[in-house]
Amino acid sequence: HHQSEDYNLSTALRQTSTGFLLSWIFYLPLAVAGVPLVVFISVASLNLLYQFWVHTRHVPKLGWVEWFFVTPSNHRAHHA
């Protein structure tokens, strides 16, 4: 998703087409530990919403929050 000249929801949603091939390995220990499927779905949904927020130009710098969280401002530097 780093190839877009636009910084919007479509940029946030563009992920690798092969990510599903290996990503399940990282979630397997949680599934074995008994984490319910609804938790996986909820976290994936929240992450998708967070990606939209991070990939917007409409949020200004957030001061001290930038030191602890990925914000639109410091994520723009990542894309630069």
N, C-alpha and C. Protein backbone atom coordinates (compact mmCIF):
# COMPACT_ATOMS: atom_id res chain seq x y z
N HIS A 1 0.81 -1.19 0.00
CA HIS A 1 0.00 0.00 0.00
C HIS A 1 0.85 1.26 0.00
N HIS A 2 2.14 1.14 -0.15
CA HIS A 2 3.02 2.31 -0.14
C HIS A 2 3.19 2.94 -1.51
N GLN A 3 2.54 2.42 -2.53
CA GLN A 3 2.75 2.94 -3.87
C GLN A 3 1.74 4.00 -4.28
N SER A 4 0.72 4.23 -3.48
CA SER A 4 -0.32 5.18 -3.85
C SER A 4 0.14 6.62 -3.63
N GLU A 5 -0.24 7.50 -4.53
CA GLU A 5 0.02 8.92 -4.33
C GLU A 5 -1.07 9.55 -3.48
N ASP A 6 -2.20 8.87 -3.35
CA ASP A 6 -3.29 9.34 -2.51
C ASP A 6 -3.15 8.70 -1.13
N TYR A 7 -3.66 9.38 -0.14
CA TYR A 7 -3.56 8.91 1.23
C TYR A 7 -4.98 8.82 1.77
N ASN A 8 -5.65 7.70 1.54
CA ASN A 8 -7.06 7.58 1.86
C ASN A 8 -7.42 6.15 2.21
N LEU A 9 -8.73 5.87 2.32
CA LEU A 9 -9.18 4.54 2.71
C LEU A 9 -8.70 3.46 1.76
N SER A 10 -8.69 3.73 0.47
CA SER A 10 -8.23 2.71 -0.47
C SER A 10 -6.76 2.38 -0.25
N THR A 11 -5.98 3.35 0.18
CA THR A 11 -4.57 3.10 0.51
C THR A 11 -4.48 2.22 1.75
N ALA A 12 -5.33 2.49 2.73
CA ALA A 12 -5.31 1.72 3.97
C ALA A 12 -5.71 0.28 3.74
N LEU A 13 -6.63 0.04 2.82
CA LEU A 13 -7.13 -1.31 2.60
C LEU A 13 -6.26 -2.14 1.69
N ARG A 14 -5.34 -1.51 0.98
CA ARG A 14 -4.49 -2.25 0.04
C ARG A 14 -3.41 -3.00 0.81
N GLN A 15 -3.52 -4.29 0.89
CA GLN A 15 -2.56 -5.13 1.59
C GLN A 15 -2.00 -6.16 0.61
N THR A 16 -1.05 -6.94 1.06
CA THR A 16 -0.46 -7.94 0.18
C THR A 16 -1.47 -9.02 -0.17
N SER A 17 -1.36 -9.53 -1.36
CA SER A 17 -2.27 -10.59 -1.79
C SER A 17 -1.87 -11.95 -1.23
N THR A 18 -0.67 -12.05 -0.69
CA THR A 18 -0.19 -13.33 -0.16
C THR A 18 -0.13 -13.33 1.37
N GLY A 19 -0.59 -12.28 2.01
CA GLY A 19 -0.50 -12.19 3.47
C GLY A 19 -1.19 -13.32 4.19
N PHE A 20 -2.28 -13.81 3.63
CA PHE A 20 -3.03 -14.88 4.28
C PHE A 20 -2.27 -16.21 4.31
N LEU A 21 -1.27 -16.36 3.45
CA LEU A 21 -0.54 -17.63 3.37
C LEU A 21 0.25 -17.93 4.64
N LEU A 22 0.78 -16.92 5.28
CA LEU A 22 1.61 -17.14 6.47
C LEU A 22 1.06 -16.49 7.73
N SER A 23 0.11 -15.57 7.62
CA SER A 23 -0.35 -14.85 8.81
C SER A 23 -1.02 -15.75 9.83
N TRP A 24 -1.64 -16.82 9.38
CA TRP A 24 -2.33 -17.73 10.30
C TRP A 24 -1.37 -18.33 11.32
N ILE A 25 -0.09 -18.44 10.97
CA ILE A 25 0.90 -19.02 11.89
C ILE A 25 1.00 -18.20 13.17
N PHE A 26 0.88 -16.89 13.05
CA PHE A 26 1.00 -16.02 14.22
C PHE A 26 -0.24 -16.09 15.12
N TYR A 27 -1.37 -16.46 14.55
CA TYR A 27 -2.60 -16.55 15.32
C TYR A 27 -2.85 -17.95 15.88
N LEU A 28 -2.16 -18.92 15.40
CA LEU A 28 -2.36 -20.30 15.82
C LEU A 28 -2.19 -20.50 17.33
N PRO A 29 -1.15 -19.95 17.96
CA PRO A 29 -1.02 -20.14 19.42
C PRO A 29 -2.22 -19.59 20.19
N LEU A 30 -2.78 -18.48 19.74
CA LEU A 30 -3.95 -17.92 20.41
C LEU A 30 -5.16 -18.84 20.26
N ALA A 31 -5.33 -19.40 19.07
CA ALA A 31 -6.43 -20.33 18.84
C ALA A 31 -6.28 -21.58 19.70
N VAL A 32 -5.06 -22.08 19.79
CA VAL A 32 -4.79 -23.27 20.61
C VAL A 32 -5.05 -22.95 22.09
N ALA A 33 -4.75 -21.72 22.49
CA ALA A 33 -4.98 -21.31 23.89
C ALA A 33 -6.46 -21.11 24.20
N GLY A 34 -7.30 -21.15 23.17
CA GLY A 34 -8.74 -21.06 23.42
C GLY A 34 -9.37 -19.71 23.22
N VAL A 35 -8.67 -18.80 22.55
CA VAL A 35 -9.27 -17.49 22.28
C VAL A 35 -10.46 -17.70 21.34
N PRO A 36 -11.63 -17.17 21.71
CA PRO A 36 -12.83 -17.38 20.90
C PRO A 36 -12.74 -16.72 19.52
N LEU A 37 -13.40 -17.31 18.55
CA LEU A 37 -13.41 -16.79 17.19
C LEU A 37 -13.95 -15.36 17.14
N VAL A 38 -14.94 -15.06 17.97
CA VAL A 38 -15.51 -13.71 17.98
C VAL A 38 -14.45 -12.66 18.36
N VAL A 39 -13.48 -13.03 19.18
CA VAL A 39 -12.40 -12.12 19.54
C VAL A 39 -11.52 -11.85 18.32
N PHE A 40 -11.18 -12.89 17.57
CA PHE A 40 -10.38 -12.70 16.36
C PHE A 40 -11.09 -11.78 15.38
N ILE A 41 -12.37 -12.00 15.18
CA ILE A 41 -13.15 -11.19 14.24
C ILE A 41 -13.26 -9.75 14.73
N SER A 42 -13.48 -9.56 16.02
CA SER A 42 -13.58 -8.21 16.58
C SER A 42 -12.29 -7.44 16.44
N VAL A 43 -11.19 -8.08 16.77
CA VAL A 43 -9.88 -7.42 16.68
C VAL A 43 -9.54 -7.09 15.22
N ALA A 44 -9.84 -8.00 14.31
CA ALA A 44 -9.58 -7.73 12.89
C ALA A 44 -10.42 -6.54 12.41
N SER A 45 -11.66 -6.45 12.87
CA SER A 45 -12.52 -5.33 12.48
C SER A 45 -12.01 -4.01 13.04
N LEU A 46 -11.61 -4.02 14.31
CA LEU A 46 -11.06 -2.79 14.91
C LEU A 46 -9.77 -2.37 14.23
N ASN A 47 -8.93 -3.34 13.87
CA ASN A 47 -7.69 -3.02 13.17
C ASN A 47 -7.97 -2.38 11.82
N LEU A 48 -8.98 -2.87 11.11
CA LEU A 48 -9.34 -2.30 9.82
C LEU A 48 -9.81 -0.86 9.99
N LEU A 49 -10.61 -0.59 11.00
CA LEU A 49 -11.05 0.79 11.27
C LEU A 49 -9.86 1.67 11.65
N TYR A 50 -8.94 1.13 12.42
CA TYR A 50 -7.75 1.90 12.82
C TYR A 50 -6.90 2.24 11.59
N GLN A 51 -6.82 1.33 10.63
CA GLN A 51 -6.07 1.60 9.41
C GLN A 51 -6.65 2.79 8.65
N PHE A 52 -7.98 2.89 8.65
CA PHE A 52 -8.61 4.03 7.99
C PHE A 52 -8.21 5.32 8.69
N TRP A 53 -8.23 5.32 10.01
CA TRP A 53 -7.90 6.53 10.76
C TRP A 53 -6.44 6.93 10.55
N VAL A 54 -5.56 5.95 10.50
CA VAL A 54 -4.12 6.24 10.33
C VAL A 54 -3.82 6.77 8.93
N HIS A 55 -4.62 6.39 7.94
CA HIS A 55 -4.36 6.79 6.57
C HIS A 55 -5.24 7.97 6.13
N THR A 56 -5.33 8.98 6.98
CA THR A 56 -6.08 10.18 6.61
C THR A 56 -5.20 11.41 6.81
N ARG A 57 -5.48 12.44 6.06
CA ARG A 57 -4.76 13.70 6.21
C ARG A 57 -5.54 14.70 7.05
N HIS A 58 -6.70 14.32 7.52
CA HIS A 58 -7.60 15.25 8.20
C HIS A 58 -7.36 15.36 9.70
N VAL A 59 -6.44 14.59 10.24
CA VAL A 59 -6.14 14.64 11.66
C VAL A 59 -4.79 15.34 11.83
N PRO A 60 -4.74 16.42 12.63
CA PRO A 60 -3.46 17.13 12.83
C PRO A 60 -2.55 16.36 13.79
N LYS A 61 -1.38 16.94 14.07
CA LYS A 61 -0.46 16.33 15.05
C LYS A 61 -1.17 16.25 16.40
N LEU A 62 -0.90 15.18 17.14
CA LEU A 62 -1.61 14.92 18.39
C LEU A 62 -0.73 15.02 19.63
N GLY A 63 0.37 15.74 19.53
CA GLY A 63 1.22 16.00 20.70
C GLY A 63 1.83 14.75 21.28
N TRP A 64 1.69 14.58 22.60
CA TRP A 64 2.32 13.46 23.32
C TRP A 64 1.83 12.11 22.85
N VAL A 65 0.64 12.03 22.28
CA VAL A 65 0.09 10.76 21.81
C VAL A 65 1.00 10.15 20.74
N GLU A 66 1.67 11.02 19.98
CA GLU A 66 2.56 10.58 18.90
C GLU A 66 3.74 9.76 19.42
N TRP A 67 4.07 9.92 20.69
CA TRP A 67 5.20 9.19 21.27
C TRP A 67 4.85 7.73 21.56
N PHE A 68 3.56 7.42 21.69
CA PHE A 68 3.14 6.10 22.13
C PHE A 68 2.31 5.32 21.13
N PHE A 69 1.64 6.02 20.21
CA PHE A 69 0.73 5.36 19.28
C PHE A 69 1.05 5.73 17.84
N VAL A 70 0.66 4.88 16.92
CA VAL A 70 0.76 5.21 15.51
C VAL A 70 -0.38 6.18 15.21
N THR A 71 -0.01 7.37 14.78
CA THR A 71 -0.99 8.41 14.48
C THR A 71 -0.89 8.76 12.99
N PRO A 72 -1.88 9.46 12.47
CA PRO A 72 -1.79 9.85 11.06
C PRO A 72 -0.52 10.64 10.74
N SER A 73 -0.10 11.50 11.65
CA SER A 73 1.08 12.32 11.39
C SER A 73 2.35 11.49 11.28
N ASN A 74 2.62 10.62 12.25
CA ASN A 74 3.87 9.85 12.17
C ASN A 74 3.76 8.72 11.15
N HIS A 75 2.55 8.31 10.79
CA HIS A 75 2.43 7.31 9.73
C HIS A 75 2.66 7.92 8.35
N ARG A 76 2.37 9.22 8.22
CA ARG A 76 2.70 9.91 6.96
C ARG A 76 4.21 9.90 6.75
N ALA A 77 4.96 10.07 7.83
CA ALA A 77 6.43 10.00 7.71
C ALA A 77 6.86 8.61 7.29
N HIS A 78 6.19 7.58 7.76
CA HIS A 78 6.48 6.20 7.36
C HIS A 78 6.27 6.03 5.86
N HIS A 79 5.21 6.62 5.32
CA HIS A 79 4.93 6.51 3.90
C HIS A 79 5.85 7.37 3.05
N ALA A 80 6.43 8.39 3.65
CA ALA A 80 7.33 9.26 2.89
C ALA A 80 8.59 8.50 2.58
